Amino acid sequence: MKRAFWIIEAVAVVAAVVLAGCPASKQAAESTAPAMTPSAASAAKASAEGQLPKGVKKLAGDQKPDFTAKGVDGKDVKPADYAGKILVIDFWATWCSACCEKLLEYQPMAEKYKDKGVQFLVISRDNDPATARGWAKEKNVTIPMAMFNDQIQSVFFPGQEAITIPQARILDATGAWRYSMTSDAHVSDVEDAINALLAEKK
């Protein structure tokens, strides 16, 4: 009986960890498994039913976030630098395996859409820009990178002390905030949002 209870308890703990995504710090990540995305079948079902996939929130577009971040190259980065373009902002860290996997998928997507008025910007939660820069060089990721700061937190995560990553935010060509995506969202959900915003420009 005790053995059966132990097995049930262990399964519950693993399930909770899998659903949580990567935590807000490297220290917490060392004891937490990376997130697992929902199945393609569940995403397709949600789409067929006219619902947004799990982890995807569509916004009214009445906010135009403004912030200044320090790029891993030392230069300032702000949304105004991408005026007139759809901007995909991804929050990640090198210690978050789920984040790194998504970045490797974003790289070819960034190449695919760069001539269509779409840009990607990834915001690192690492403590040292050299860490993020080194990972990108090793993995041949050329997407622009900047570092997380208090201003970004107040703009995109107000009142949140702990931030689960990866997450994404998408601004349309006017700079309006149109989509928020949690760690439950797929990379394909980002691409769907991009195409929806591109269709609005036609």
Protein backbone atom coordinates (compact mmCIF):
# COMPACT_ATOMS: atom_id res chain seq x y z
CA MET A 1 0.00 0.00 0.00
CA LYS A 2 2.81 2.38 0.91
CA ARG A 3 4.60 1.57 -2.34
CA ALA A 4 1.47 2.35 -4.39
CA PHE A 5 1.02 5.68 -2.60
CA TRP A 6 4.67 6.56 -3.27
CA ILE A 7 4.28 5.82 -6.98
CA ILE A 8 1.13 7.97 -7.24
CA GLU A 9 2.83 10.83 -5.41
CA ALA A 10 5.91 10.63 -7.65
CA VAL A 11 3.79 10.73 -10.80
CA ALA A 12 1.95 13.81 -9.52
CA VAL A 13 5.21 15.62 -8.81
CA VAL A 14 6.62 14.84 -12.26
CA ALA A 15 3.41 15.99 -13.93
CA ALA A 16 3.48 19.29 -12.05
CA VAL A 17 7.09 19.91 -13.04
CA VAL A 18 6.50 19.12 -16.71
CA LEU A 19 3.63 21.59 -16.91
CA ALA A 20 5.48 24.41 -15.19
CA GLY A 21 7.98 25.46 -17.87
CA CYS A 22 11.41 26.77 -16.91
CA PRO A 23 11.47 28.85 -13.72
CA ALA A 24 12.73 32.39 -13.33
CA SER A 25 16.27 31.57 -12.22
CA LYS A 26 19.09 29.17 -12.96
CA GLN A 27 19.11 27.98 -9.36
CA ALA A 28 15.47 26.97 -9.56
CA ALA A 29 16.01 25.42 -13.00
CA GLU A 30 18.58 23.00 -11.62
CA SER A 31 15.79 21.14 -9.85
CA THR A 32 13.08 21.62 -12.47
CA ALA A 33 12.58 19.78 -15.77
CA PRO A 34 11.89 21.80 -18.96
CA ALA A 35 8.36 22.28 -20.18
CA MET A 36 6.74 19.87 -22.62
CA THR A 37 4.49 21.47 -25.23
CA PRO A 38 0.95 20.21 -25.86
CA SER A 39 0.49 17.66 -28.63
CA ALA A 40 -0.03 18.77 -32.20
CA ALA A 41 -3.36 16.96 -32.12
CA SER A 42 -4.69 19.10 -29.25
CA ALA A 43 -3.50 22.27 -30.98
CA ALA A 44 -5.20 21.22 -34.23
CA LYS A 45 -8.41 20.46 -32.33
CA ALA A 46 -8.39 23.89 -30.70
CA SER A 47 -7.88 25.50 -34.10
CA ALA A 48 -10.69 23.49 -35.65
CA GLU A 49 -13.02 24.62 -32.87
CA GLY A 50 -12.17 28.25 -33.53
CA GLN A 51 -10.35 28.64 -30.23
CA LEU A 52 -6.86 29.93 -29.60
CA PRO A 53 -4.36 27.18 -28.77
CA LYS A 54 -3.31 26.66 -25.16
CA GLY A 55 -0.90 29.32 -23.97
CA VAL A 56 -1.89 31.86 -26.66
CA LYS A 57 -3.67 35.12 -25.80
CA LYS A 58 -4.76 37.64 -28.40
CA LEU A 59 -4.86 41.26 -27.26
CA ALA A 60 -6.83 44.28 -28.44
CA GLY A 61 -3.73 46.13 -29.57
CA ASP A 62 -4.41 49.20 -27.45
CA GLN A 63 -0.96 49.09 -25.81
CA LYS A 64 2.31 50.09 -27.43
CA PRO A 65 5.07 48.83 -25.13
CA ASP A 66 8.18 50.94 -24.86
CA PHE A 67 11.46 49.93 -23.26
CA THR A 68 15.19 50.16 -23.71
CA ALA A 69 17.35 47.06 -23.27
CA LYS A 70 21.06 46.53 -23.57
CA GLY A 71 21.97 44.28 -26.47
CA VAL A 72 24.55 41.54 -25.92
CA ASP A 73 26.79 43.67 -28.17
CA GLY A 74 26.47 46.57 -25.73
CA LYS A 75 24.15 48.69 -27.90
CA ASP A 76 20.73 49.90 -26.80
CA VAL A 77 17.70 48.11 -28.24
CA LYS A 78 14.13 49.43 -28.25
CA PRO A 79 10.88 48.67 -30.11
CA ALA A 80 11.20 51.89 -32.12
CA ASP A 81 14.20 50.30 -33.85
CA TYR A 82 11.72 47.94 -35.52
CA ALA A 83 9.16 50.56 -36.57
CA GLY A 84 6.92 49.36 -39.39
CA LYS A 85 7.75 45.69 -38.76
CA ILE A 86 6.09 42.88 -36.88
CA LEU A 87 8.27 42.21 -33.84
CA VAL A 88 8.45 38.82 -32.11
CA ILE A 89 10.00 39.14 -28.65
CA ASP A 90 11.04 35.91 -26.98
CA PHE A 91 12.13 35.58 -23.33
CA TRP A 92 14.68 32.86 -22.70
CA ALA A 93 17.90 31.81 -20.91
CA THR A 94 20.75 29.46 -21.72
CA TRP A 95 19.96 27.36 -18.62
CA CYS A 96 16.39 26.72 -19.87
CA SER A 97 16.51 23.76 -22.26
CA ALA A 98 12.97 24.37 -23.55
CA CYS A 99 13.98 27.96 -24.35
CA CYS A 100 17.07 26.88 -26.25
CA GLU A 101 15.08 24.38 -28.28
CA LYS A 102 12.62 27.09 -29.30
CA LEU A 103 15.39 29.49 -30.27
CA LEU A 104 16.86 26.89 -32.61
CA GLU A 105 13.42 26.64 -34.24
CA TYR A 106 13.03 30.42 -34.38
CA GLN A 107 16.28 30.86 -36.31
CA PRO A 108 15.02 29.47 -39.66
CA MET A 109 11.67 31.18 -39.09
CA ALA A 110 13.43 34.52 -38.65
CA GLU A 111 15.24 33.94 -41.94
CA LYS A 112 12.00 32.93 -43.66
CA TYR A 113 10.10 36.08 -42.68
CA LYS A 114 12.80 38.75 -42.56
CA ASP A 115 11.98 39.97 -46.08
CA LYS A 116 8.27 40.10 -45.23
CA GLY A 117 8.61 42.77 -42.56
CA VAL A 118 9.06 40.48 -39.54
CA GLN A 119 11.88 40.71 -37.00
CA PHE A 120 12.76 38.61 -33.97
CA LEU A 121 14.34 39.88 -30.74
CA VAL A 122 15.26 37.52 -27.90
CA ILE A 123 15.59 38.81 -24.35
CA SER A 124 17.96 36.81 -22.15
CA ARG A 125 17.46 36.16 -18.44
CA ASP A 126 21.11 35.17 -18.06
CA ASN A 127 23.22 37.21 -15.65
CA ASP A 128 26.03 37.83 -18.13
CA PRO A 129 25.54 38.91 -21.76
CA ALA A 130 28.68 36.96 -22.65
CA THR A 131 26.86 33.75 -21.72
CA ALA A 132 23.99 34.43 -24.13
CA ARG A 133 26.38 35.71 -26.80
CA GLY A 134 28.57 32.61 -26.50
CA TRP A 135 25.62 30.24 -26.76
CA ALA A 136 24.35 32.03 -29.88
CA LYS A 137 27.75 31.86 -31.54
CA GLU A 138 28.12 28.17 -30.76
CA LYS A 139 24.66 27.36 -32.13
CA ASN A 140 24.85 29.73 -35.14
CA VAL A 141 21.86 31.73 -33.93
CA THR A 142 21.95 35.22 -35.44
CA ILE A 143 18.70 36.61 -34.02
CA PRO A 144 19.38 39.91 -32.20
CA MET A 145 19.73 39.44 -28.43
CA ALA A 146 19.31 41.80 -25.51
CA MET A 147 19.30 41.48 -21.73
CA PHE A 148 16.29 41.44 -19.43
CA ASN A 149 15.93 44.41 -17.06
CA ASP A 150 13.50 45.97 -14.58
CA GLN A 151 11.86 48.15 -17.23
CA ILE A 152 11.04 45.12 -19.38
CA GLN A 153 9.63 43.37 -16.34
CA SER A 154 7.35 46.31 -15.53
CA VAL A 155 6.14 46.50 -19.14
CA PHE A 156 5.49 42.83 -19.89
CA PHE A 157 5.28 41.17 -16.44
CA PRO A 158 3.90 43.79 -14.01
CA GLY A 159 3.54 42.51 -10.46
CA GLN A 160 5.13 39.13 -11.25
CA GLU A 161 8.07 38.21 -9.04
CA ALA A 162 8.68 34.87 -10.75
CA ILE A 163 8.54 34.55 -14.54
CA THR A 164 8.29 31.16 -16.21
CA ILE A 165 10.11 30.94 -19.54
CA PRO A 166 10.05 30.56 -22.50
CA GLN A 167 7.41 33.16 -23.26
CA ALA A 168 6.79 35.36 -26.30
CA ARG A 169 5.17 38.71 -27.04
CA ILE A 170 4.29 39.87 -30.56
CA LEU A 171 3.89 43.50 -31.63
CA ASP A 172 2.28 44.42 -34.93
CA ALA A 173 3.75 46.81 -37.50
CA THR A 174 2.34 49.80 -35.62
CA GLY A 175 4.10 48.75 -32.41
CA ALA A 176 0.86 47.56 -30.78
CA TRP A 177 1.00 44.53 -28.49
CA ARG A 178 -1.18 41.87 -30.18
CA TYR A 179 -0.21 38.46 -28.79
CA SER A 180 1.12 36.98 -25.56
CA MET A 181 2.33 33.39 -25.47
CA THR A 182 3.30 31.36 -22.43
CA SER A 183 5.57 28.32 -22.26
CA ASP A 184 2.59 26.16 -23.29
CA ALA A 185 2.53 27.71 -26.77
CA HIS A 186 4.18 26.09 -29.77
CA VAL A 187 6.64 27.71 -32.17
CA SER A 188 3.98 27.00 -34.80
CA ASP A 189 1.59 29.22 -32.81
CA VAL A 190 4.06 32.08 -33.23
CA GLU A 191 4.16 31.48 -36.97
CA ASP A 192 0.35 31.41 -37.13
CA ALA A 193 0.23 34.76 -35.33
CA ILE A 194 2.83 36.21 -37.72
CA ASN A 195 0.79 35.14 -40.73
CA ALA A 196 -2.40 36.55 -39.22
CA LEU A 197 -0.70 39.94 -38.73
CA LEU A 198 0.79 39.83 -42.22
CA ALA A 199 -2.67 39.18 -43.64
CA GLU A 200 -3.94 42.33 -41.92
CA LYS A 201 -1.39 44.40 -43.84
CA LYS A 202 -2.71 43.27 -47.24
